Amino acid sequence: MYKTKNIERWLGYEFEPVENRCGKDFSAFARSFKAELMAQIAGIGCELIICGKGYFFIYGFIRNKETGGFMFFDTGDVRYDRQWYRNMLVREARSENDFTGGMNQRTSLEEFGNAVKRILYSGRRSEFAA
C-alpha cells in the first residue's frame, strides 16, 4: 500500500516532452514521488539525502543515519516503461556520489521501504565496509 495519496495519480501516466524538455507534469510527479519515498522511510532511521531529476527519470540516495550506509535508487525513464513503479533499480552504494555501487536489485515503489530495510539493515557485512 502506498503511503501518500498523490502518487497513485501518476501510476501508468503518459509523460510527454514539451519542446524537448520535461513538462510541468513531470515536475509535479517528482514532488509526489519524493513525498512517497520520504513517507516510506520515515521512522526507519534513514534519510533521503539526494533526490534528483534527469530527463524523465528520478534518482537519488538514501542514508542510514545509524551506520552511515548508502543506497542508490533510479526509476528509469518513466515515458518508455509505464510500469516503472513495479521495476525500480536499487543497490547499495559507497557514498552519495557512487553511481556504480553494489549488485543491482529491483523493487516496486510499493515495496521501496522494505528494499531500504533489506539493503541497509540486512545484518550482513556490507561489501563496502571498511
C-alpha atoms as a PDB file:
ATOM      1  CA  MET A   1       0.000   0.000   0.000  1.00  0.00           C
ATOM      2  CA  TYR A   2       1.232   3.485  -0.847  1.00  0.00           C
ATOM      3  CA  LYS A   3       1.841   5.971   1.960  1.00  0.00           C
ATOM      4  CA  THR A   4       0.682   9.087   0.086  1.00  0.00           C
ATOM      5  CA  LYS A   5      -2.490   9.687  -1.907  1.00  0.00           C
ATOM      6  CA  ASN A   6      -0.960  11.753  -4.693  1.00  0.00           C
ATOM      7  CA  ILE A   7       1.363   9.062  -6.028  1.00  0.00           C
ATOM      8  CA  GLU A   8      -1.472   6.886  -7.361  1.00  0.00           C
ATOM      9  CA  ARG A   9      -2.342   9.600  -9.868  1.00  0.00           C
ATOM     10  CA  TRP A  10       0.986   9.007 -11.619  1.00  0.00           C
ATOM     11  CA  LEU A  11       0.894   5.216 -11.901  1.00  0.00           C
ATOM     12  CA  GLY A  12       0.636   4.441 -15.609  1.00  0.00           C
ATOM     13  CA  TYR A  13       0.601   8.152 -16.513  1.00  0.00           C
ATOM     14  CA  GLU A  14       1.840   9.023 -20.001  1.00  0.00           C
ATOM     15  CA  PHE A  15       4.510  11.736 -19.823  1.00  0.00           C
ATOM     16  CA  GLU A  16       5.263  13.753 -22.950  1.00  0.00           C
ATOM     17  CA  PRO A  17       8.208  16.088 -23.517  1.00  0.00           C
ATOM     18  CA  VAL A  18       7.436  19.766 -24.074  1.00  0.00           C
ATOM     19  CA  GLU A  19       9.853  21.375 -26.542  1.00  0.00           C
ATOM     20  CA  ASN A  20      12.495  18.712 -25.796  1.00  0.00           C
ATOM     21  CA  ARG A  21      12.320  19.102 -22.026  1.00  0.00           C
ATOM     22  CA  CYS A  22      10.300  17.722 -19.156  1.00  0.00           C
ATOM     23  CA  GLY A  23       6.946  19.389 -18.647  1.00  0.00           C
ATOM     24  CA  LYS A  24       5.244  20.705 -15.542  1.00  0.00           C
ATOM     25  CA  ASP A  25       3.540  17.338 -15.142  1.00  0.00           C
ATOM     26  CA  PHE A  26       6.917  15.653 -14.629  1.00  0.00           C
ATOM     27  CA  SER A  27       7.923  18.253 -12.025  1.00  0.00           C
ATOM     28  CA  ALA A  28       4.643  17.652 -10.168  1.00  0.00           C
ATOM     29  CA  PHE A  29       5.236  13.904 -10.396  1.00  0.00           C
ATOM     30  CA  ALA A  30       8.776  14.319  -8.995  1.00  0.00           C
ATOM     31  CA  ARG A  31       7.387  16.159  -5.960  1.00  0.00           C
ATOM     32  CA  SER A  32       4.799  13.414  -5.363  1.00  0.00           C
ATOM     33  CA  PHE A  33       7.450  10.723  -5.822  1.00  0.00           C
ATOM     34  CA  LYS A  34       9.790  12.371  -3.310  1.00  0.00           C
ATOM     35  CA  ALA A  35       6.947  12.692  -0.777  1.00  0.00           C
ATOM     36  CA  GLU A  36       6.167   8.977  -1.206  1.00  0.00           C
ATOM     37  CA  LEU A  37       9.791   7.950  -0.627  1.00  0.00           C
ATOM     38  CA  MET A  38      10.075  10.150   2.444  1.00  0.00           C
ATOM     39  CA  ALA A  39       6.854   8.690   3.847  1.00  0.00           C
ATOM     40  CA  GLN A  40       8.128   5.146   3.284  1.00  0.00           C
ATOM     41  CA  ILE A  41      11.463   5.709   5.034  1.00  0.00           C
ATOM     42  CA  ALA A  42      10.044   7.774   7.905  1.00  0.00           C
ATOM     43  CA  GLY A  43      10.646   6.024  11.186  1.00  0.00           C
ATOM     44  CA  ILE A  44      13.246   3.517   9.973  1.00  0.00           C
ATOM     45  CA  GLY A  45      16.331   5.600  10.754  1.00  0.00           C
ATOM     46  CA  CYS A  46      17.113   6.637   7.202  1.00  0.00           C
ATOM     47  CA  GLU A  47      17.075   9.907   5.329  1.00  0.00           C
ATOM     48  CA  LEU A  48      16.672  10.891   1.707  1.00  0.00           C
ATOM     49  CA  ILE A  49      19.837  12.879   1.048  1.00  0.00           C
ATOM     50  CA  ILE A  50      19.603  13.308  -2.723  1.00  0.00           C
ATOM     51  CA  CYS A  51      16.554  13.143  -4.959  1.00  0.00           C
ATOM     52  CA  GLY A  52      17.403  14.402  -8.429  1.00  0.00           C
ATOM     53  CA  LYS A  53      15.560  14.663 -11.714  1.00  0.00           C
ATOM     54  CA  GLY A  54      17.015  13.673 -15.038  1.00  0.00           C
ATOM     55  CA  TYR A  55      15.325  13.650 -18.438  1.00  0.00           C
ATOM     56  CA  PHE A  56      12.171  11.761 -17.381  1.00  0.00           C
ATOM     57  CA  PHE A  57      13.829   9.749 -14.629  1.00  0.00           C
ATOM     58  CA  ILE A  58      14.378  10.253 -10.902  1.00  0.00           C
ATOM     59  CA  TYR A  59      17.398   9.032  -8.965  1.00  0.00           C
ATOM     60  CA  GLY A  60      18.808   9.530  -5.524  1.00  0.00           C
ATOM     61  CA  PHE A  61      20.449   8.258  -2.392  1.00  0.00           C
ATOM     62  CA  ILE A  62      19.155   7.115   0.986  1.00  0.00           C
ATOM     63  CA  ARG A  63      21.471   7.171   4.023  1.00  0.00           C
ATOM     64  CA  ASN A  64      21.194   5.004   7.116  1.00  0.00           C
ATOM     65  CA  LYS A  65      21.693   7.515   9.960  1.00  0.00           C
ATOM     66  CA  GLU A  66      22.946   4.839  12.356  1.00  0.00           C
ATOM     67  CA  THR A  67      25.511   3.019  10.226  1.00  0.00           C
ATOM     68  CA  GLY A  68      26.241   5.657   7.590  1.00  0.00           C
ATOM     69  CA  GLY A  69      25.434   3.156   4.825  1.00  0.00           C
ATOM     70  CA  PHE A  70      24.078   4.378   1.485  1.00  0.00           C
ATOM     71  CA  MET A  71      21.603   3.090  -1.052  1.00  0.00           C
ATOM     72  CA  PHE A  72      21.109   4.314  -4.639  1.00  0.00           C
ATOM     73  CA  PHE A  73      17.763   4.245  -6.487  1.00  0.00           C
ATOM     74  CA  ASP A  74      16.639   5.047 -10.037  1.00  0.00           C
ATOM     75  CA  THR A  75      13.193   4.932 -11.651  1.00  0.00           C
ATOM     76  CA  GLY A  76      14.460   4.553 -15.188  1.00  0.00           C
ATOM     77  CA  ASP A  77      12.751   6.512 -17.974  1.00  0.00           C
ATOM     78  CA  VAL A  78       9.106   6.793 -16.948  1.00  0.00           C
ATOM     79  CA  ARG A  79       7.994   7.585 -20.536  1.00  0.00           C
ATOM     80  CA  TYR A  80       9.002   4.268 -22.059  1.00  0.00           C
ATOM     81  CA  ASP A  81       8.031   1.953 -19.260  1.00  0.00           C
ATOM     82  CA  ARG A  82       4.662   2.981 -17.895  1.00  0.00           C
ATOM     83  CA  GLN A  83       5.059   0.189 -15.341  1.00  0.00           C
ATOM     84  CA  TRP A  84       8.198   1.883 -13.900  1.00  0.00           C
ATOM     85  CA  TYR A  85       6.705   1.735 -10.401  1.00  0.00           C
ATOM     86  CA  ARG A  86       6.928  -2.062 -10.486  1.00  0.00           C
ATOM     87  CA  ASN A  87      10.590  -2.209 -11.526  1.00  0.00           C
ATOM     88  CA  MET A  88      12.834   0.353  -9.810  1.00  0.00           C
ATOM     89  CA  LEU A  89      16.603  -0.109  -9.603  1.00  0.00           C
ATOM     90  CA  VAL A  90      18.063  -0.149  -6.076  1.00  0.00           C
ATOM     91  CA  ARG A  91      21.521  -1.051  -4.825  1.00  0.00           C
ATOM     92  CA  GLU A  92      23.965  -0.456  -2.016  1.00  0.00           C
ATOM     93  CA  ALA A  93      26.406   2.427  -2.558  1.00  0.00           C
ATOM     94  CA  ARG A  94      29.718   3.538  -1.040  1.00  0.00           C
ATOM     95  CA  SER A  95      28.692   7.198  -0.769  1.00  0.00           C
ATOM     96  CA  GLU A  96      26.198   9.714  -2.086  1.00  0.00           C
ATOM     97  CA  ASN A  97      28.381  10.010  -5.203  1.00  0.00           C
ATOM     98  CA  ASP A  98      28.615   6.290  -6.024  1.00  0.00           C
ATOM     99  CA  PHE A  99      26.539   5.657  -9.134  1.00  0.00           C
ATOM    100  CA  THR A 100      28.071   2.220  -9.820  1.00  0.00           C
ATOM    101  CA  GLY A 101      27.702   0.694  -6.355  1.00  0.00           C
ATOM    102  CA  GLY A 102      26.860  -2.843  -5.393  1.00  0.00           C
ATOM    103  CA  MET A 103      24.771  -5.527  -7.027  1.00  0.00           C
ATOM    104  CA  ASN A 104      21.711  -4.300  -8.938  1.00  0.00           C
ATOM    105  CA  GLN A 105      18.398  -5.259  -7.386  1.00  0.00           C
ATOM    106  CA  ARG A 106      14.814  -4.460  -8.341  1.00  0.00           C
ATOM    107  CA  THR A 107      11.843  -3.417  -6.249  1.00  0.00           C
ATOM    108  CA  SER A 108       8.435  -1.890  -6.715  1.00  0.00           C
ATOM    109  CA  LEU A 109       7.608   1.580  -5.437  1.00  0.00           C
ATOM    110  CA  GLU A 110       5.085  -0.015  -3.107  1.00  0.00           C
ATOM    111  CA  GLU A 111       7.858  -2.132  -1.518  1.00  0.00           C
ATOM    112  CA  PHE A 112      10.538   0.582  -1.550  1.00  0.00           C
ATOM    113  CA  GLY A 113      10.653   0.914   2.248  1.00  0.00           C
ATOM    114  CA  ASN A 114      11.198  -2.834   2.578  1.00  0.00           C
ATOM    115  CA  ALA A 115      14.010  -2.660  -0.001  1.00  0.00           C
ATOM    116  CA  VAL A 116      15.679   0.061   2.082  1.00  0.00           C
ATOM    117  CA  LYS A 117      15.480  -2.193   5.141  1.00  0.00           C
ATOM    118  CA  ARG A 118      16.787  -5.189   3.180  1.00  0.00           C
ATOM    119  CA  ILE A 119      19.753  -3.294   1.755  1.00  0.00           C
ATOM    120  CA  LEU A 120      20.692  -1.050   4.681  1.00  0.00           C
ATOM    121  CA  TYR A 121      19.628  -3.217   7.643  1.00  0.00           C
ATOM    122  CA  SER A 122      20.135  -6.760   6.409  1.00  0.00           C
ATOM    123  CA  GLY A 123      22.656  -7.640   9.112  1.00  0.00           C
ATOM    124  CA  ARG A 124      25.092  -8.963   6.538  1.00  0.00           C
ATOM    125  CA  ARG A 125      28.504  -7.398   6.272  1.00  0.00           C
ATOM    126  CA  SER A 126      28.452  -4.775   3.561  1.00  0.00           C
ATOM    127  CA  GLU A 127      30.742  -5.286   0.599  1.00  0.00           C
ATOM    128  CA  PHE A 128      31.660  -1.628   1.167  1.00  0.00           C
ATOM    129  CA  ALA A 129      32.503  -1.877   4.869  1.00  0.00           C
ATOM    130  CA  ALA A 130      35.971  -0.714   5.792  1.00  0.00           C
END
